[in-house]
Every structure is written in C-alpha cells, then in structure tokens.
Amino acid sequence: MTALPDSTQRRLGLVIDLDTCVGCHACVVHCKEWNTGGYPAPLSDADPYGADPTGTWLNRVHSYEVEAPGRTPRVVHFPKSCLHCEDAPCVTVCPTGASYKREEDGIVLVDEDLCIGCKLCAWACPYGAREFDPPTGVMKKCTLCIDRIYNEHLSDPVPACVSTCPARARHYGDLADPDSEVSRLVAERGGYELMSETGCRPTNRYLPPRSREPAATAAGNAGDGGGDGASPPVLEDAPAEGGFLGWIDRLLTAADRDPSPPPDSRP
C-alpha cells in the first residue's frame, strides 16, 4: 500500500462557485481536449457519434433541481473532478504505489506504468472521481493540469477548465496560503468541503449558491402601502476592463450617448 506525505508544502486546488456556474460544459470539453494530448493521454472514446457513446472524462458536470421549503425552485450545476484530498483513500488502498500524492503541491496523480487496473482506488474514492480507461487498462483522473500550471511558456498557466470557464465560476490557487485569492473567496463566501463526513479532507472547495429571493425590507416599500414589501437587489457596476458583463456595459453606455440608429447602408 502507498503512504501519504505527512504534510505538503502547498495545497493547489480549485474553488468552484455554484452560484455562477451555468452548466455549459465548456470546462468538460476543454479538459478532454487538453488532456487527451497531455499528461494522462490518451482519453478514450467509444462510439462518440452513436446512440450510446461512452468515454473517459476527467471532469463532469451534474445538474440538479433544488427546492427548499419556502423558496423558489432552482437548478444548480455541480462540476465534479478529483478533489486532491489530504487523506486520500485512493492512495492508501493502491497495492502497487501507482496512486500517490505529491509532497511539493498536494496533487494526487496516477503512475500509469505501475497501475494494474484493479479499480481499488475507484471503489475507495467516495466522490466517484476515478475513471477506468478500458483501451489502456489503467485508471485516469484529474491531474490539475500539471503540464499547464508549471509551463512557463503559457500566458495563462492555470488548469484548462479554469482558463475556459465563461462565467468565471472556477478559481485555482494555493489553499494553504490564507492570503491567496482562493482562500479569501472561501473565507468570504463560506466555501465548504464536499462530504466532509468522509474524513478525506478534500482540497477543493465549493462556494454555495446565493439566495435568489428578493431581500425583504423592514418597513416595506414606500409606495406599496408598507407591509412585507421587498426591494430589488443592488447590483454592482460591471467591470469595464473586460468579460461579458463589461462588454454589455460598454455597449449600453455607447447606446445612451448616441441613441440614434445607424444609417441605412442598404442600396
């Protein structure tokens, strides 16, 4: 069996915002595209255009309809990949030492040259994060894109799923550093471990969805006769430096300055 390091110098991982994830699967597709030619290559596909396609994916998005008492039902999109646990049972159960946790950054990896495809790690993982690749006969899992995050030639040395997320719902960093962006996000938004009762101590954190219910005011709205009125939420200005909201903001600002329609260029 494989031993875990007593401690790690860093705890690199992901913080995923369930409030802003739109379930577009861009992270899933880019993860597949990058890793099928990267460190854990290849990632197999069987009958990808048929009626029953199957394949190996290191990142998946599950969608759930959530209905809490007294609240409006909503759909929550839940991305899931390896959580790079501190006490990783997939490592300690491995009979060959193929599964291991790196001391320098806390990333859990699989040495495919040592893997015999026994699937013990998949049974031990409470999160279902391991995938067996039938053509190669070995286990595959998220590597946190170690061939990206340490690549000095990339302009964005972050995991592929983070770089492609259009909603900026995925964040990457060192969760052992209390001053890192991801650690501040966890502290400010009440980020939590997935299934903490398992005792695996996953590195990745999830930020809970914000309430979509309008905030009730103490005295009610002034124009509706009082009572249990509600005021609309106050929205922050969209960042002008970029992003989809910044583009919308610039577009609307330009329209306000020049409301006249563009000249008709038809012949």
C-alpha atoms as a PDB file:
ATOM      1  CA  MET A   1       0.000   0.000   0.000  1.00  0.00           C
ATOM      2  CA  THR A   2       1.061   3.600  -0.620  1.00  0.00           C
ATOM      3  CA  ALA A   3       1.758   6.045   2.195  1.00  0.00           C
ATOM      4  CA  LEU A   4       0.623   9.657   2.206  1.00  0.00           C
ATOM      5  CA  PRO A   5       3.051  12.509   2.942  1.00  0.00           C
ATOM      6  CA  ASP A   6       2.854  13.841   6.492  1.00  0.00           C
ATOM      7  CA  SER A   7       2.313  17.331   5.075  1.00  0.00           C
ATOM      8  CA  THR A   8       2.559  19.179   1.789  1.00  0.00           C
ATOM      9  CA  GLN A   9       4.370  22.414   1.011  1.00  0.00           C
ATOM     10  CA  ARG A  10       1.363  23.762  -0.886  1.00  0.00           C
ATOM     11  CA  ARG A  11      -2.263  22.719  -1.402  1.00  0.00           C
ATOM     12  CA  LEU A  12      -3.028  23.517  -5.004  1.00  0.00           C
ATOM     13  CA  GLY A  13      -6.673  23.090  -5.885  1.00  0.00           C
ATOM     14  CA  LEU A  14      -9.894  24.541  -7.235  1.00  0.00           C
ATOM     15  CA  VAL A  15     -12.636  26.689  -5.785  1.00  0.00           C
ATOM     16  CA  ILE A  16     -15.885  26.300  -7.722  1.00  0.00           C
ATOM     17  CA  ASP A  17     -18.679  28.860  -7.473  1.00  0.00           C
ATOM     18  CA  LEU A  18     -22.031  27.068  -7.660  1.00  0.00           C
ATOM     19  CA  ASP A  19     -23.764  30.437  -7.840  1.00  0.00           C
ATOM     20  CA  THR A  20     -22.265  31.418 -11.187  1.00  0.00           C
ATOM     21  CA  CYS A  21     -21.769  28.037 -12.891  1.00  0.00           C
ATOM     22  CA  VAL A  22     -24.223  27.879 -15.807  1.00  0.00           C
ATOM     23  CA  GLY A  23     -23.674  24.236 -16.707  1.00  0.00           C
ATOM     24  CA  CYS A  24     -22.338  24.989 -20.185  1.00  0.00           C
ATOM     25  CA  HIS A  25     -19.806  22.095 -20.026  1.00  0.00           C
ATOM     26  CA  ALA A  26     -17.046  24.271 -21.512  1.00  0.00           C
ATOM     27  CA  CYS A  27     -14.750  23.098 -18.705  1.00  0.00           C
ATOM     28  CA  VAL A  28     -15.584  19.479 -19.508  1.00  0.00           C
ATOM     29  CA  VAL A  29     -14.835  19.848 -23.212  1.00  0.00           C
ATOM     30  CA  HIS A  30     -11.594  21.799 -22.753  1.00  0.00           C
ATOM     31  CA  CYS A  31     -10.419  19.348 -20.106  1.00  0.00           C
ATOM     32  CA  LYS A  32     -10.985  16.489 -22.535  1.00  0.00           C
ATOM     33  CA  GLU A  33      -9.346  18.340 -25.415  1.00  0.00           C
ATOM     34  CA  TRP A  34      -6.240  19.308 -23.433  1.00  0.00           C
ATOM     35  CA  ASN A  35      -5.686  16.069 -21.551  1.00  0.00           C
ATOM     36  CA  THR A  36      -6.292  13.706 -24.425  1.00  0.00           C
ATOM     37  CA  GLY A  37      -2.991  15.001 -25.771  1.00  0.00           C
ATOM     38  CA  GLY A  38      -1.330  15.858 -22.464  1.00  0.00           C
ATOM     39  CA  TYR A  39      -0.071  14.168 -19.304  1.00  0.00           C
ATOM     40  CA  PRO A  40      -2.779  11.452 -18.927  1.00  0.00           C
ATOM     41  CA  ALA A  41      -3.163  10.853 -22.685  1.00  0.00           C
ATOM     42  CA  PRO A  42      -4.948   9.252 -24.327  1.00  0.00           C
ATOM     43  CA  LEU A  43      -8.531   9.601 -23.069  1.00  0.00           C
ATOM     44  CA  SER A  44     -10.602   7.061 -24.947  1.00  0.00           C
ATOM     45  CA  ASP A  45     -13.961   7.443 -26.653  1.00  0.00           C
ATOM     46  CA  ALA A  46     -16.171   4.595 -27.823  1.00  0.00           C
ATOM     47  CA  ASP A  47     -18.805   5.227 -30.487  1.00  0.00           C
ATOM     48  CA  PRO A  48     -18.727   9.013 -29.806  1.00  0.00           C
ATOM     49  CA  TYR A  49     -21.309   9.800 -32.502  1.00  0.00           C
ATOM     50  CA  GLY A  50     -23.530   6.773 -31.951  1.00  0.00           C
ATOM     51  CA  ALA A  51     -26.624   6.149 -29.890  1.00  0.00           C
ATOM     52  CA  ASP A  52     -24.707   5.052 -26.788  1.00  0.00           C
ATOM     53  CA  PRO A  53     -21.404   6.947 -26.606  1.00  0.00           C
ATOM     54  CA  THR A  54     -19.003   6.208 -23.769  1.00  0.00           C
ATOM     55  CA  GLY A  55     -15.602   7.520 -22.884  1.00  0.00           C
ATOM     56  CA  THR A  56     -13.167   8.680 -20.237  1.00  0.00           C
ATOM     57  CA  TRP A  57     -13.710  12.151 -18.814  1.00  0.00           C
ATOM     58  CA  LEU A  58     -11.706  13.743 -16.006  1.00  0.00           C
ATOM     59  CA  ASN A  59     -14.307  16.403 -15.273  1.00  0.00           C
ATOM     60  CA  ARG A  60     -18.087  16.105 -15.335  1.00  0.00           C
ATOM     61  CA  VAL A  61     -20.971  18.491 -14.620  1.00  0.00           C
ATOM     62  CA  HIS A  62     -24.141  17.241 -12.934  1.00  0.00           C
ATOM     63  CA  SER A  63     -27.315  19.346 -12.824  1.00  0.00           C
ATOM     64  CA  TYR A  64     -29.921  19.160 -10.090  1.00  0.00           C
ATOM     65  CA  GLU A  65     -33.249  20.864  -9.437  1.00  0.00           C
ATOM     66  CA  VAL A  66     -33.175  22.118  -5.861  1.00  0.00           C
ATOM     67  CA  GLU A  67     -36.340  23.030  -3.983  1.00  0.00           C
ATOM     68  CA  ALA A  68     -36.020  24.375  -0.445  1.00  0.00           C
ATOM     69  CA  PRO A  69     -39.085  24.997   1.745  1.00  0.00           C
ATOM     70  CA  GLY A  70     -40.481  28.473   1.164  1.00  0.00           C
ATOM     71  CA  ARG A  71     -38.111  29.235  -1.707  1.00  0.00           C
ATOM     72  CA  THR A  72     -38.381  29.277  -5.458  1.00  0.00           C
ATOM     73  CA  PRO A  73     -37.000  26.080  -7.061  1.00  0.00           C
ATOM     74  CA  ARG A  74     -33.772  26.498  -8.997  1.00  0.00           C
ATOM     75  CA  VAL A  75     -31.304  24.438 -10.989  1.00  0.00           C
ATOM     76  CA  VAL A  76     -27.809  24.037  -9.565  1.00  0.00           C
ATOM     77  CA  HIS A  77     -24.993  22.868 -11.831  1.00  0.00           C
ATOM     78  CA  PHE A  78     -22.395  20.846  -9.949  1.00  0.00           C
ATOM     79  CA  PRO A  79     -18.971  20.301 -11.570  1.00  0.00           C
ATOM     80  CA  LYS A  80     -17.017  17.374 -10.157  1.00  0.00           C
ATOM     81  CA  SER A  81     -13.484  16.094 -10.618  1.00  0.00           C
ATOM     82  CA  CYS A  82     -10.751  14.784  -8.332  1.00  0.00           C
ATOM     83  CA  LEU A  83     -10.635  16.861  -5.146  1.00  0.00           C
ATOM     84  CA  HIS A  84      -6.966  16.033  -4.300  1.00  0.00           C
ATOM     85  CA  CYS A  85      -7.778  15.027  -0.735  1.00  0.00           C
ATOM     86  CA  GLU A  86      -5.392  15.445   2.181  1.00  0.00           C
ATOM     87  CA  ASP A  87      -6.306  11.976   3.454  1.00  0.00           C
ATOM     88  CA  ALA A  88      -6.824  10.337   0.063  1.00  0.00           C
ATOM     89  CA  PRO A  89      -8.146   6.750   0.396  1.00  0.00           C
ATOM     90  CA  CYS A  90      -7.437   6.168  -3.298  1.00  0.00           C
ATOM     91  CA  VAL A  91      -3.731   6.455  -2.480  1.00  0.00           C
ATOM     92  CA  THR A  92      -3.538   4.306   0.624  1.00  0.00           C
ATOM     93  CA  VAL A  93      -5.576   1.482  -0.968  1.00  0.00           C
ATOM     94  CA  CYS A  94      -3.368   1.211  -4.078  1.00  0.00           C
ATOM     95  CA  PRO A  95      -1.444  -2.111  -3.984  1.00  0.00           C
ATOM     96  CA  THR A  96       1.291  -1.078  -6.429  1.00  0.00           C
ATOM     97  CA  GLY A  97       2.039   2.531  -5.488  1.00  0.00           C
ATOM     98  CA  ALA A  98       0.586   3.799  -8.759  1.00  0.00           C
ATOM     99  CA  SER A  99      -1.622   6.292  -6.921  1.00  0.00           C
ATOM    100  CA  TYR A 100       0.379   8.848  -4.986  1.00  0.00           C
ATOM    101  CA  LYS A 101       0.166  12.343  -3.512  1.00  0.00           C
ATOM    102  CA  ARG A 102       2.931  14.827  -4.272  1.00  0.00           C
ATOM    103  CA  GLU A 103       4.609  16.446  -1.273  1.00  0.00           C
ATOM    104  CA  GLU A 104       5.515  19.665  -3.096  1.00  0.00           C
ATOM    105  CA  ASP A 105       1.972  20.701  -4.094  1.00  0.00           C
ATOM    106  CA  GLY A 106      -0.524  18.136  -2.762  1.00  0.00           C
ATOM    107  CA  ILE A 107      -1.668  16.974  -6.206  1.00  0.00           C
ATOM    108  CA  VAL A 108      -2.841  13.344  -6.412  1.00  0.00           C
ATOM    109  CA  LEU A 109      -1.632  11.518  -9.533  1.00  0.00           C
ATOM    110  CA  VAL A 110      -1.514   8.049 -11.102  1.00  0.00           C
ATOM    111  CA  ASP A 111       1.673   6.486 -12.445  1.00  0.00           C
ATOM    112  CA  GLU A 112       0.203   4.570 -15.361  1.00  0.00           C
ATOM    113  CA  ASP A 113       3.333   2.419 -15.681  1.00  0.00           C
ATOM    114  CA  LEU A 114       2.575   0.972 -12.233  1.00  0.00           C
ATOM    115  CA  CYS A 115      -1.224   0.845 -12.492  1.00  0.00           C
ATOM    116  CA  ILE A 116      -2.648  -2.669 -12.990  1.00  0.00           C
ATOM    117  CA  GLY A 117      -6.261  -1.519 -13.428  1.00  0.00           C
ATOM    118  CA  CYS A 118      -7.539  -3.300 -10.294  1.00  0.00           C
ATOM    119  CA  LYS A 119     -10.013  -0.419  -9.660  1.00  0.00           C
ATOM    120  CA  LEU A 120      -9.474  -0.483  -5.899  1.00  0.00           C
ATOM    121  CA  CYS A 121      -8.925   3.281  -5.956  1.00  0.00           C
ATOM    122  CA  ALA A 122     -12.255   3.816  -7.722  1.00  0.00           C
ATOM    123  CA  TRP A 123     -14.051   1.798  -5.070  1.00  0.00           C
ATOM    124  CA  ALA A 124     -12.250   3.673  -2.281  1.00  0.00           C
ATOM    125  CA  CYS A 125     -12.984   7.173  -3.624  1.00  0.00           C
ATOM    126  CA  PRO A 126     -16.255   8.447  -2.071  1.00  0.00           C
ATOM    127  CA  TYR A 127     -16.609  11.092  -4.792  1.00  0.00           C
ATOM    128  CA  GLY A 128     -16.538   8.845  -7.854  1.00  0.00           C
ATOM    129  CA  ALA A 129     -13.656  10.876  -9.283  1.00  0.00           C
ATOM    130  CA  ARG A 130     -11.691   7.965 -10.773  1.00  0.00           C
ATOM    131  CA  GLU A 131     -12.337   6.671 -14.277  1.00  0.00           C
ATOM    132  CA  PHE A 132     -11.193   3.369 -15.754  1.00  0.00           C
ATOM    133  CA  ASP A 133      -9.946   3.583 -19.321  1.00  0.00           C
ATOM    134  CA  PRO A 134     -10.705   0.215 -20.988  1.00  0.00           C
ATOM    135  CA  PRO A 135      -8.413   0.518 -24.033  1.00  0.00           C
ATOM    136  CA  THR A 136      -5.341   1.210 -21.886  1.00  0.00           C
ATOM    137  CA  GLY A 137      -6.455  -0.832 -18.863  1.00  0.00           C
ATOM    138  CA  VAL A 138      -5.464   1.849 -16.330  1.00  0.00           C
ATOM    139  CA  MET A 139      -7.161   4.412 -14.101  1.00  0.00           C
ATOM    140  CA  LYS A 140      -7.420   8.059 -15.139  1.00  0.00           C
ATOM    141  CA  LYS A 141      -8.101  11.147 -13.063  1.00  0.00           C
ATOM    142  CA  CYS A 142      -7.772  14.920 -12.919  1.00  0.00           C
ATOM    143  CA  THR A 143      -4.115  15.968 -12.732  1.00  0.00           C
ATOM    144  CA  LEU A 144      -4.891  19.642 -12.108  1.00  0.00           C
ATOM    145  CA  CYS A 145      -3.186  20.059 -15.485  1.00  0.00           C
ATOM    146  CA  ILE A 146       0.351  19.780 -14.124  1.00  0.00           C
ATOM    147  CA  ASP A 147       1.611  20.158 -17.687  1.00  0.00           C
ATOM    148  CA  ARG A 148      -0.057  23.596 -17.797  1.00  0.00           C
ATOM    149  CA  ILE A 149       0.381  25.072 -14.325  1.00  0.00           C
ATOM    150  CA  TYR A 150       4.166  24.617 -14.425  1.00  0.00           C
ATOM    151  CA  ASN A 151       4.560  25.624 -18.070  1.00  0.00           C
ATOM    152  CA  GLU A 152       6.408  28.959 -18.130  1.00  0.00           C
ATOM    153  CA  HIS A 153       5.665  29.413 -21.834  1.00  0.00           C
ATOM    154  CA  LEU A 154       1.892  29.721 -21.318  1.00  0.00           C
ATOM    155  CA  SER A 155       0.314  33.123 -20.805  1.00  0.00           C
ATOM    156  CA  ASP A 156      -2.311  31.565 -18.522  1.00  0.00           C
ATOM    157  CA  PRO A 157      -0.621  28.765 -16.508  1.00  0.00           C
ATOM    158  CA  VAL A 158      -3.847  27.577 -14.909  1.00  0.00           C
ATOM    159  CA  PRO A 159      -5.814  24.349 -15.379  1.00  0.00           C
ATOM    160  CA  ALA A 160      -7.639  24.067 -18.700  1.00  0.00           C
ATOM    161  CA  CYS A 161     -11.055  24.074 -17.019  1.00  0.00           C
ATOM    162  CA  VAL A 162     -10.258  27.380 -15.279  1.00  0.00           C
ATOM    163  CA  SER A 163      -8.935  29.102 -18.381  1.00  0.00           C
ATOM    164  CA  THR A 164     -12.042  28.305 -20.445  1.00  0.00           C
ATOM    165  CA  CYS A 165     -14.889  28.999 -17.982  1.00  0.00           C
ATOM    166  CA  PRO A 166     -17.014  31.820 -19.494  1.00  0.00           C
ATOM    167  CA  ALA A 167     -18.794  32.515 -16.197  1.00  0.00           C
ATOM    168  CA  ARG A 168     -15.584  32.671 -14.148  1.00  0.00           C
ATOM    169  CA  ALA A 169     -17.016  30.068 -11.821  1.00  0.00           C
ATOM    170  CA  ARG A 170     -13.741  28.174 -11.445  1.00  0.00           C
ATOM    171  CA  HIS A 171     -10.753  29.507  -9.496  1.00  0.00           C
ATOM    172  CA  TYR A 172      -7.297  27.992  -8.998  1.00  0.00           C
ATOM    173  CA  GLY A 173      -4.656  28.622  -6.382  1.00  0.00           C
ATOM    174  CA  ASP A 174      -2.920  27.575  -3.180  1.00  0.00           C
ATOM    175  CA  LEU A 175      -5.416  26.874  -0.428  1.00  0.00           C
ATOM    176  CA  ALA A 176      -2.603  26.539   2.113  1.00  0.00           C
ATOM    177  CA  ASP A 177      -1.910  30.265   1.693  1.00  0.00           C
ATOM    178  CA  PRO A 178      -4.507  32.243   3.698  1.00  0.00           C
ATOM    179  CA  ASP A 179      -3.778  35.354   1.630  1.00  0.00           C
ATOM    180  CA  SER A 180      -4.342  33.715  -1.770  1.00  0.00           C
ATOM    181  CA  GLU A 181      -7.353  34.665  -3.869  1.00  0.00           C
ATOM    182  CA  VAL A 182      -8.931  31.240  -3.462  1.00  0.00           C
ATOM    183  CA  SER A 183      -8.506  31.266   0.325  1.00  0.00           C
ATOM    184  CA  ARG A 184     -10.115  34.714   0.525  1.00  0.00           C
ATOM    185  CA  LEU A 185     -13.031  33.523  -1.614  1.00  0.00           C
ATOM    186  CA  VAL A 186     -13.585  30.560   0.699  1.00  0.00           C
ATOM    187  CA  ALA A 187     -13.492  32.804   3.778  1.00  0.00           C
ATOM    188  CA  GLU A 188     -15.791  35.473   2.327  1.00  0.00           C
ATOM    189  CA  ARG A 189     -18.373  33.144   0.795  1.00  0.00           C
ATOM    190  CA  GLY A 190     -18.389  30.299   3.294  1.00  0.00           C
ATOM    191  CA  GLY A 191     -16.753  27.768   0.978  1.00  0.00           C
ATOM    192  CA  TYR A 192     -17.164  24.196   2.130  1.00  0.00           C
ATOM    193  CA  GLU A 193     -15.728  20.713   1.728  1.00  0.00           C
ATOM    194  CA  LEU A 194     -17.719  18.177  -0.240  1.00  0.00           C
ATOM    195  CA  MET A 195     -18.956  15.390   2.037  1.00  0.00           C
ATOM    196  CA  SER A 196     -16.783  16.386   4.979  1.00  0.00           C
ATOM    197  CA  GLU A 197     -18.206  13.474   6.972  1.00  0.00           C
ATOM    198  CA  THR A 198     -15.977  11.085   4.984  1.00  0.00           C
ATOM    199  CA  GLY A 199     -12.869  12.489   6.684  1.00  0.00           C
ATOM    200  CA  CYS A 200     -10.977  12.685   3.376  1.00  0.00           C
ATOM    201  CA  ARG A 201     -10.278  16.422   3.794  1.00  0.00           C
ATOM    202  CA  PRO A 202     -10.570  17.393   0.122  1.00  0.00           C
ATOM    203  CA  THR A 203      -8.513  20.343  -1.048  1.00  0.00           C
ATOM    204  CA  ASN A 204     -11.114  21.674  -3.489  1.00  0.00           C
ATOM    205  CA  ARG A 205     -13.870  23.879  -2.116  1.00  0.00           C
ATOM    206  CA  TYR A 206     -17.348  24.818  -3.304  1.00  0.00           C
ATOM    207  CA  LEU A 207     -18.957  28.235  -2.887  1.00  0.00           C
ATOM    208  CA  PRO A 208     -22.680  27.864  -2.121  1.00  0.00           C
ATOM    209  CA  PRO A 209     -25.354  29.406  -4.363  1.00  0.00           C
ATOM    210  CA  ARG A 210     -26.625  32.788  -3.243  1.00  0.00           C
ATOM    211  CA  SER A 211     -30.298  33.231  -2.474  1.00  0.00           C
ATOM    212  CA  ARG A 212     -32.389  34.342  -5.455  1.00  0.00           C
ATOM    213  CA  GLU A 213     -35.195  35.582  -3.194  1.00  0.00           C
ATOM    214  CA  PRO A 214     -35.577  39.398  -3.047  1.00  0.00           C
ATOM    215  CA  ALA A 215     -34.380  40.857   0.242  1.00  0.00           C
ATOM    216  CA  ALA A 216     -37.315  41.890   2.414  1.00  0.00           C
ATOM    217  CA  THR A 217     -37.195  45.379   3.894  1.00  0.00           C
ATOM    218  CA  ALA A 218     -38.095  46.095   7.474  1.00  0.00           C
ATOM    219  CA  ALA A 219     -40.721  48.768   6.720  1.00  0.00           C
ATOM    220  CA  GLY A 220     -41.805  47.616   3.278  1.00  0.00           C
ATOM    221  CA  ASN A 221     -41.678  49.657   0.109  1.00  0.00           C
ATOM    222  CA  ALA A 222     -42.777  53.260   0.489  1.00  0.00           C
ATOM    223  CA  GLY A 223     -45.109  53.134  -2.500  1.00  0.00           C
ATOM    224  CA  ASP A 224     -46.949  49.882  -1.844  1.00  0.00           C
ATOM    225  CA  GLY A 225     -48.600  50.757   1.444  1.00  0.00           C
ATOM    226  CA  GLY A 226     -45.998  49.098   3.681  1.00  0.00           C
ATOM    227  CA  GLY A 227     -46.265  45.510   4.791  1.00  0.00           C
ATOM    228  CA  ASP A 228     -43.858  42.764   3.783  1.00  0.00           C
ATOM    229  CA  GLY A 229     -42.517  44.558   0.731  1.00  0.00           C
ATOM    230  CA  ALA A 230     -39.299  43.694  -0.989  1.00  0.00           C
ATOM    231  CA  SER A 231     -36.613  45.816  -2.570  1.00  0.00           C
ATOM    232  CA  PRO A 232     -34.681  44.758  -5.644  1.00  0.00           C
ATOM    233  CA  PRO A 233     -31.090  43.681  -5.053  1.00  0.00           C
ATOM    234  CA  VAL A 234     -28.422  46.309  -5.550  1.00  0.00           C
ATOM    235  CA  LEU A 235     -26.161  45.372  -8.457  1.00  0.00           C
ATOM    236  CA  GLU A 236     -22.536  46.402  -8.628  1.00  0.00           C
ATOM    237  CA  ASP A 237     -21.225  48.162 -11.723  1.00  0.00           C
ATOM    238  CA  ALA A 238     -19.970  45.736 -14.336  1.00  0.00           C
ATOM    239  CA  PRO A 239     -16.167  45.715 -14.694  1.00  0.00           C
ATOM    240  CA  ALA A 240     -15.231  47.865 -17.666  1.00  0.00           C
ATOM    241  CA  GLU A 241     -11.919  46.107 -18.211  1.00  0.00           C
ATOM    242  CA  GLY A 242     -13.400  43.016 -19.817  1.00  0.00           C
ATOM    243  CA  GLY A 243     -15.638  39.995 -19.622  1.00  0.00           C
ATOM    244  CA  PHE A 244     -19.153  39.525 -20.901  1.00  0.00           C
ATOM    245  CA  LEU A 245     -20.716  41.943 -18.405  1.00  0.00           C
ATOM    246  CA  GLY A 246     -18.092  44.553 -19.231  1.00  0.00           C
ATOM    247  CA  TRP A 247     -18.910  44.215 -22.922  1.00  0.00           C
ATOM    248  CA  ILE A 248     -22.649  44.641 -22.228  1.00  0.00           C
ATOM    249  CA  ASP A 249     -21.906  47.689 -20.077  1.00  0.00           C
ATOM    250  CA  ARG A 250     -19.829  49.331 -22.811  1.00  0.00           C
ATOM    251  CA  LEU A 251     -22.483  48.530 -25.417  1.00  0.00           C
ATOM    252  CA  LEU A 252     -25.306  50.081 -23.395  1.00  0.00           C
ATOM    253  CA  THR A 253     -23.191  53.104 -22.460  1.00  0.00           C
ATOM    254  CA  ALA A 254     -22.453  53.777 -26.112  1.00  0.00           C
ATOM    255  CA  ALA A 255     -26.160  53.459 -26.949  1.00  0.00           C
ATOM    256  CA  ASP A 256     -27.049  56.004 -24.257  1.00  0.00           C
ATOM    257  CA  ARG A 257     -24.565  58.501 -25.665  1.00  0.00           C
ATOM    258  CA  ASP A 258     -25.785  58.097 -29.260  1.00  0.00           C
ATOM    259  CA  PRO A 259     -29.361  56.755 -29.278  1.00  0.00           C
ATOM    260  CA  SER A 260     -29.844  57.379 -32.989  1.00  0.00           C
ATOM    261  CA  PRO A 261     -29.957  54.236 -35.143  1.00  0.00           C
ATOM    262  CA  PRO A 262     -27.054  53.601 -37.539  1.00  0.00           C
ATOM    263  CA  PRO A 263     -27.552  54.874 -41.091  1.00  0.00           C
ATOM    264  CA  ASP A 264     -29.200  52.502 -43.519  1.00  0.00           C
ATOM    265  CA  SER A 265     -26.433  51.060 -45.690  1.00  0.00           C
ATOM    266  CA  ARG A 266     -28.722  49.100 -47.972  1.00  0.00           C
ATOM    267  CA  PRO A 267     -28.552  50.028 -51.707  1.00  0.00           C
END
